[in-house]
Structure formats: C-alpha cells, structure tokens
Amino acid sequence: MFDKAATVLLWGIGFLIIVILGWFLYKILGPGLKHLTPSFIFGKPSEVRAGGGVGPMLFNSFYILFLSMAVSLPIGFGAGIYLAIYAKKNRFTNLIRISVEALSSVPSIVFGLFGYLVFVNWMGMKFSIIAGALSLALLNLPVLVRNTEEALRAVPDSYWEASLALGSTRWQAIRKVMLPAALPTLITGITLVSGRALGESAILIYTSGVSVSRHFPDFDLTAMGETLSVHLWYVQASSLVPDAKQIAQGSGALLVLVVLLFNLLIAVPSRILSKKFNGGK
C-alpha cells in the first residue's frame, strides 16, 4: 500500500514538474517566437528607433561565457582533483571544502559587487568584457570544484586500485581512468554552470556594462560587453525605444532557446563519449 502510494506521489510530482516547465515555455516562447526574425537575431540594436536587433548581445553572451569557462575550468578541475585524490583529511582541507560550499551559496550580485570593486575599479579594467568574464569565472568556480570532487569520488575504488596495480602513476590513473569514468558527471556539471552563466545578469551589469561596441563582432577584451540577459533587463527597465516590450519578449524567447540548444549540444556528445569510455554500455 505504501509502495503504491509513494509511486503515485512520485509520478504526480514528475507530471507536475513537466506541466510547470511546459507552462513556463508557453508563456515565454508564445509571445516571443514571432519576433525572432534574422534581422532581430543578427541585427544591431537601436537606442531610440524601433526595429533594433540583438546580434552584438548574443555574440557577447557566448564570448564572455567562453572566456569565463577558459579561466574557471582548469582551476576548478585542478582544485577538484586535488581535493579528491591528493589532499589528506585534515583541518586545512576541511576548511577548503567548507569555503567552497559557502561560496557556492553566495548570491550572484555579491560576486558582481566584488568584481566591480576589484576588476573594474582597483585593477582599472573599467566596464569591459574581460572584467565580466573574470567575475563570472568566480561564480563558476565553487560549483566546478564540488562537482569535480564528487564525480571522482563516485568512481569505484577498484578502478583506481587496478590502475595503480598495473604500474601507472597517479597522474596516468587520473587522466586515463578516473576522468573518463567520471566524464558524464563532469559534463553535467559543465552544462549546468554554462547554462547559469548564459542567463546571468546581476554580475555583468556591474562589470561588463549595459552597452555594446559599435563594431560587430568585437573581440576587444576592453570593450563594453552587454549580454542578452542584461539587454533583456535593460529594455524593460530604462530603454527609450518604442518597441521595448517586443524586444524584451524576443530576447526572452531567444535566451531560452539558446540555453536549451546549448544544453543539447553538450548533453548529446557527452552520452556518446560516456558509452565509448564504458565499452558501449
């Protein structure tokens, strides 16, 4: 009786989640899809006239994401590997884990204020793409460190012991056995971090600004780098364009589609690689 009740409850919760997700997509994509024309997606924005696009903002979203991940991935993976494999159990490593967990729960706007004080003011980067990317990397780090550590600890100890017994060094065992075995979990963590970074706005308002370069695409790290999520906030808050509502609807729909497509592009290859490293199972 209790088993059937629990099964019904869990199925009901799953169905409710699907309904909420469907309602969310309907409310966002319904009004916005009709605005997603090529001129809107790839065109330049307009400050006072109707008909502007979001091309530079879309480019900046991926550009800042790429730069932030290029900084945070090596550090996050390295710290996670150290905590899972090399670190001994003592007060220092316990302090590191507590600090990482505390940072992962800090609101993103706090990272934005930190980036504004350190990168924008103290280091003189001003409102720029590089300041936004470095601040976003700080937001990514705690999640990447914890995800990497937990992914490696979830690999059976027999994998590690068998690799060392065959004469491999620690680094060889990590590179050729542990990381491939933990790859699905690692990629899941990267996907979650990337999706969150694509939709982040609070940090970037304080660090990369609410304006874009006149050139498109502009790879200059010192240029201001308004992203799609920041533009969505800006047009709703203080934009002077007469079609601000339509731009916000289109930007919201485009942002949702970009995040969904980005997750699919990472998730599908990760499953293929997972089957490859696990012998096709």
Protein backbone atom coordinates (compact mmCIF):
# COMPACT_ATOMS: atom_id res chain seq x y z
CA MET A 1 0.00 0.00 0.00
CA PHE A 2 2.72 2.44 0.97
CA ASP A 3 4.74 1.43 -2.11
CA LYS A 4 1.80 2.21 -4.42
CA ALA A 5 1.14 5.50 -2.65
CA ALA A 6 4.80 6.51 -2.97
CA THR A 7 4.81 5.53 -6.65
CA VAL A 8 1.69 7.59 -7.35
CA LEU A 9 3.13 10.53 -5.42
CA LEU A 10 6.42 10.46 -7.31
CA TRP A 11 4.66 10.13 -10.67
CA GLY A 12 2.44 13.05 -9.70
CA ILE A 13 5.46 15.20 -8.78
CA GLY A 14 7.14 14.33 -12.07
CA PHE A 15 4.00 15.19 -14.04
CA LEU A 16 3.65 18.48 -12.12
CA ILE A 17 7.22 19.43 -12.99
CA ILE A 18 6.54 18.73 -16.68
CA VAL A 19 3.37 20.84 -16.54
CA ILE A 20 5.21 23.74 -14.88
CA LEU A 21 8.02 23.52 -17.47
CA GLY A 22 5.50 23.42 -20.32
CA TRP A 23 3.62 26.42 -18.90
CA PHE A 24 6.88 28.33 -18.50
CA LEU A 25 7.95 27.63 -22.10
CA TYR A 26 4.49 28.57 -23.38
CA LYS A 27 4.47 31.90 -21.53
CA ILE A 28 8.00 32.79 -22.69
CA LEU A 29 8.09 31.36 -26.21
CA GLY A 30 4.48 32.12 -27.11
CA PRO A 31 4.78 35.93 -27.24
CA GLY A 32 8.45 35.95 -28.29
CA LEU A 33 8.84 33.49 -31.17
CA LYS A 34 7.10 35.77 -33.66
CA HIS A 35 9.79 38.41 -33.11
CA LEU A 36 12.71 36.07 -33.85
CA THR A 37 13.48 37.20 -37.38
CA PRO A 38 17.00 37.12 -38.89
CA SER A 39 17.20 40.91 -38.64
CA PHE A 40 16.34 40.75 -34.95
CA ILE A 41 18.73 37.91 -34.08
CA PHE A 42 21.73 39.19 -36.04
CA GLY A 43 20.98 42.91 -36.34
CA LYS A 44 22.44 45.78 -34.35
CA PRO A 45 20.46 47.41 -31.53
CA SER A 46 18.79 50.80 -31.76
CA GLU A 47 18.69 53.28 -28.91
CA VAL A 48 15.70 55.42 -29.94
CA ARG A 49 14.16 53.87 -33.05
CA ALA A 50 12.05 50.74 -33.36
CA GLY A 51 13.30 47.66 -35.16
CA GLY A 52 16.66 47.12 -33.47
CA GLY A 53 18.31 43.70 -33.13
CA VAL A 54 20.30 41.79 -30.53
CA GLY A 55 23.21 40.45 -32.58
CA PRO A 56 26.04 42.04 -30.56
CA MET A 57 24.41 40.98 -27.28
CA LEU A 58 24.08 37.39 -28.45
CA PHE A 59 27.73 37.38 -29.51
CA ASN A 60 28.85 38.86 -26.19
CA SER A 61 26.88 36.21 -24.28
CA PHE A 62 28.89 33.40 -25.87
CA TYR A 63 32.15 35.35 -25.90
CA ILE A 64 32.02 36.11 -22.17
CA LEU A 65 30.88 32.53 -21.46
CA PHE A 66 33.85 31.12 -23.39
CA LEU A 67 36.34 33.40 -21.62
CA SER A 68 34.91 32.67 -18.18
CA MET A 69 34.98 28.91 -18.75
CA ALA A 70 38.54 29.13 -20.11
CA VAL A 71 39.55 30.60 -16.74
CA SER A 72 37.35 28.58 -14.39
CA LEU A 73 37.59 25.08 -15.93
CA PRO A 74 41.34 24.50 -15.40
CA ILE A 75 41.24 25.93 -11.88
CA GLY A 76 38.00 24.16 -10.94
CA PHE A 77 39.10 20.80 -12.31
CA GLY A 78 42.53 21.14 -10.72
CA ALA A 79 41.12 22.01 -7.31
CA GLY A 80 38.56 19.20 -7.52
CA ILE A 81 41.23 16.65 -8.47
CA TYR A 82 43.43 17.84 -5.62
CA LEU A 83 40.64 17.51 -3.04
CA ALA A 84 39.52 14.10 -4.33
CA ILE A 85 42.90 12.43 -4.93
CA TYR A 86 45.83 14.25 -3.38
CA ALA A 87 44.50 16.11 -0.35
CA LYS A 88 44.80 14.49 3.06
CA LYS A 89 41.99 14.64 5.60
CA ASN A 90 42.90 17.46 7.96
CA ARG A 91 41.59 20.80 9.16
CA PHE A 92 43.02 22.66 6.18
CA THR A 93 41.21 20.56 3.56
CA ASN A 94 38.03 20.67 5.65
CA LEU A 95 38.30 24.46 5.68
CA ILE A 96 38.70 24.46 1.89
CA ARG A 97 35.57 22.33 1.42
CA ILE A 98 33.54 24.49 3.80
CA SER A 99 34.72 27.63 2.00
CA VAL A 100 33.82 26.19 -1.41
CA GLU A 101 30.35 25.21 -0.20
CA ALA A 102 29.85 28.65 1.32
CA LEU A 103 30.88 30.37 -1.92
CA SER A 104 28.51 28.23 -3.98
CA SER A 105 25.57 29.64 -1.99
CA VAL A 106 26.61 33.30 -2.24
CA PRO A 107 24.13 35.39 -4.32
CA SER A 108 25.45 36.29 -7.74
CA ILE A 109 25.04 40.02 -7.11
CA VAL A 110 27.69 39.75 -4.37
CA PHE A 111 30.15 38.41 -6.97
CA GLY A 112 29.10 41.32 -9.16
CA LEU A 113 29.92 43.85 -6.45
CA PHE A 114 33.22 42.09 -5.78
CA GLY A 115 34.07 42.19 -9.49
CA TYR A 116 33.12 45.86 -9.64
CA LEU A 117 35.38 46.72 -6.71
CA VAL A 118 38.35 44.55 -7.72
CA PHE A 119 38.39 44.27 -11.52
CA VAL A 120 36.56 47.43 -12.59
CA ASN A 121 37.94 49.89 -10.01
CA TRP A 122 41.04 48.52 -8.28
CA MET A 123 42.60 46.83 -11.35
CA GLY A 124 41.41 49.56 -13.71
CA MET A 125 39.65 47.31 -16.23
CA LYS A 126 36.56 49.55 -16.21
CA PHE A 127 33.31 48.14 -17.61
CA SER A 128 34.64 45.58 -20.05
CA ILE A 129 34.28 42.07 -21.40
CA ILE A 130 37.34 40.83 -19.51
CA ALA A 131 36.05 42.21 -16.18
CA GLY A 132 32.72 40.45 -16.74
CA ALA A 133 34.38 37.19 -17.75
CA LEU A 134 36.66 37.13 -14.69
CA SER A 135 33.76 37.89 -12.35
CA LEU A 136 31.66 35.19 -13.98
CA ALA A 137 34.57 32.75 -13.59
CA LEU A 138 34.47 33.34 -9.83
CA LEU A 139 30.80 32.39 -9.83
CA ASN A 140 31.55 29.18 -11.74
CA LEU A 141 34.46 28.02 -9.61
CA PRO A 142 32.72 26.71 -6.45
CA VAL A 143 30.27 24.58 -8.46
CA LEU A 144 33.02 23.19 -10.69
CA VAL A 145 35.25 22.31 -7.73
CA ARG A 146 32.49 20.46 -5.85
CA ASN A 147 31.22 18.74 -8.99
CA THR A 148 34.71 17.53 -9.95
CA GLU A 149 35.45 16.23 -6.46
CA GLU A 150 32.12 14.41 -6.15
CA ALA A 151 32.41 12.97 -9.68
CA LEU A 152 35.85 11.50 -8.94
CA ARG A 153 34.77 10.15 -5.55
CA ALA A 154 31.81 8.41 -7.21
CA VAL A 155 34.16 6.32 -9.38
CA PRO A 156 34.60 2.85 -7.80
CA ASP A 157 37.81 2.42 -5.82
CA SER A 158 38.57 -0.72 -7.84
CA TYR A 159 39.26 1.45 -10.91
CA TRP A 160 41.92 3.40 -9.04
CA GLU A 161 43.46 0.34 -7.40
CA ALA A 162 43.56 -1.67 -10.63
CA SER A 163 45.24 1.18 -12.50
CA LEU A 164 47.94 1.58 -9.85
CA ALA A 165 48.42 -2.19 -9.68
CA LEU A 166 49.19 -2.22 -13.41
CA GLY A 167 52.06 0.20 -12.83
CA SER A 168 50.53 3.56 -13.75
CA THR A 169 51.43 6.74 -11.93
CA ARG A 170 48.83 8.77 -10.08
CA TRP A 171 48.53 11.25 -12.93
CA GLN A 172 48.20 8.47 -15.51
CA ALA A 173 45.46 6.84 -13.43
CA ILE A 174 43.66 10.18 -13.13
CA ARG A 175 43.98 11.06 -16.82
CA LYS A 176 43.27 7.67 -18.38
CA VAL A 177 40.94 6.03 -15.87
CA MET A 178 39.34 8.37 -13.34
CA LEU A 179 38.47 11.32 -15.58
CA PRO A 180 36.99 9.18 -18.41
CA ALA A 181 34.91 7.22 -15.88
CA ALA A 182 33.67 10.46 -14.29
CA LEU A 183 33.12 12.19 -17.64
CA PRO A 184 29.27 12.09 -17.71
CA THR A 185 29.03 13.72 -14.28
CA LEU A 186 31.72 16.26 -15.16
CA ILE A 187 29.93 17.25 -18.37
CA THR A 188 26.64 17.54 -16.49
CA GLY A 189 28.30 19.99 -14.11
CA ILE A 190 29.77 21.96 -17.01
CA THR A 191 26.34 22.09 -18.65
CA LEU A 192 24.68 23.43 -15.50
CA VAL A 193 27.40 26.03 -14.97
CA SER A 194 27.31 27.14 -18.61
CA GLY A 195 23.53 27.43 -18.65
CA ARG A 196 23.59 29.52 -15.50
CA ALA A 197 26.36 31.72 -16.90
CA LEU A 198 24.46 32.31 -20.15
CA GLY A 199 21.47 33.60 -18.23
CA GLU A 200 23.41 35.60 -15.64
CA SER A 201 22.77 39.33 -15.50
CA ALA A 202 23.46 40.70 -11.99
CA ILE A 203 27.21 40.12 -12.20
CA LEU A 204 27.55 41.52 -15.71
CA ILE A 205 25.57 44.68 -15.04
CA TYR A 206 28.28 45.70 -12.55
CA THR A 207 31.27 44.53 -14.57
CA SER A 208 30.71 44.40 -18.33
CA GLY A 209 28.18 47.23 -18.55
CA VAL A 210 24.92 47.88 -20.36
CA SER A 211 26.30 48.96 -23.72
CA VAL A 212 27.99 47.30 -26.69
CA SER A 213 30.77 48.19 -29.09
CA ARG A 214 29.99 49.90 -32.37
CA HIS A 215 31.86 47.10 -34.15
CA PHE A 216 30.26 43.68 -34.53
CA PRO A 217 31.67 41.22 -33.75
CA ASP A 218 34.20 42.89 -31.49
CA PHE A 219 36.82 40.66 -29.82
CA ASP A 220 38.38 43.54 -27.90
CA LEU A 221 38.56 42.45 -24.26
CA THR A 222 38.45 46.05 -23.05
CA ALA A 223 35.21 46.90 -24.87
CA MET A 224 31.90 47.04 -23.01
CA GLY A 225 30.03 43.77 -23.33
CA GLU A 226 26.29 43.88 -22.75
CA THR A 227 24.90 40.35 -22.97
CA LEU A 228 21.47 39.12 -24.00
CA SER A 229 20.26 38.67 -20.42
CA VAL A 230 21.48 42.15 -19.44
CA HIS A 231 19.81 43.60 -22.54
CA LEU A 232 16.56 41.91 -21.54
CA TRP A 233 16.73 43.67 -18.17
CA TYR A 234 17.78 46.99 -19.70
CA VAL A 235 14.98 47.29 -22.28
CA GLN A 236 12.40 46.55 -19.61
CA ALA A 237 13.91 48.96 -17.07
CA SER A 238 15.16 52.09 -18.82
CA SER A 239 15.15 51.74 -22.61
CA LEU A 240 13.80 54.59 -24.76
CA VAL A 241 12.90 52.53 -27.83
CA PRO A 242 9.17 52.45 -28.59
CA ASP A 243 9.13 48.67 -29.14
CA ALA A 244 10.84 47.82 -25.83
CA LYS A 245 8.17 45.27 -24.92
CA GLN A 246 8.56 43.41 -28.22
CA ILE A 247 12.36 43.43 -27.86
CA ALA A 248 12.07 42.04 -24.33
CA GLN A 249 9.71 39.28 -25.50
CA GLY A 250 12.00 38.33 -28.37
CA SER A 251 15.11 38.47 -26.17
CA GLY A 252 13.48 36.25 -23.54
CA ALA A 253 12.43 33.67 -26.12
CA LEU A 254 15.85 33.73 -27.79
CA LEU A 255 17.62 33.33 -24.45
CA VAL A 256 15.50 30.29 -23.54
CA LEU A 257 16.11 28.68 -26.95
CA VAL A 258 19.86 29.38 -26.76
CA VAL A 259 20.14 27.79 -23.31
CA LEU A 260 18.11 24.73 -24.38
CA LEU A 261 20.09 24.30 -27.60
CA PHE A 262 23.39 24.79 -25.78
CA ASN A 263 22.47 22.12 -23.23
CA LEU A 264 21.51 19.69 -26.01
CA LEU A 265 24.74 20.30 -27.90
CA ILE A 266 26.68 19.36 -24.76
CA ALA A 267 24.44 16.56 -23.48
CA VAL A 268 24.27 14.51 -26.72
CA PRO A 269 28.07 14.28 -27.30
CA SER A 270 28.56 13.56 -23.58
CA ARG A 271 26.33 10.48 -23.83
CA ILE A 272 28.25 9.28 -26.88
CA LEU A 273 31.58 9.75 -25.11
CA SER A 274 30.21 8.06 -22.00
CA LYS A 275 29.24 4.95 -23.99
CA LYS A 276 32.62 4.99 -25.70
CA PHE A 277 34.60 5.06 -22.45
CA ASN A 278 32.34 2.47 -20.83
CA GLY A 279 32.66 -0.06 -23.61
CA GLY A 280 29.36 0.77 -25.36
CA LYS A 281 27.18 0.01 -22.33
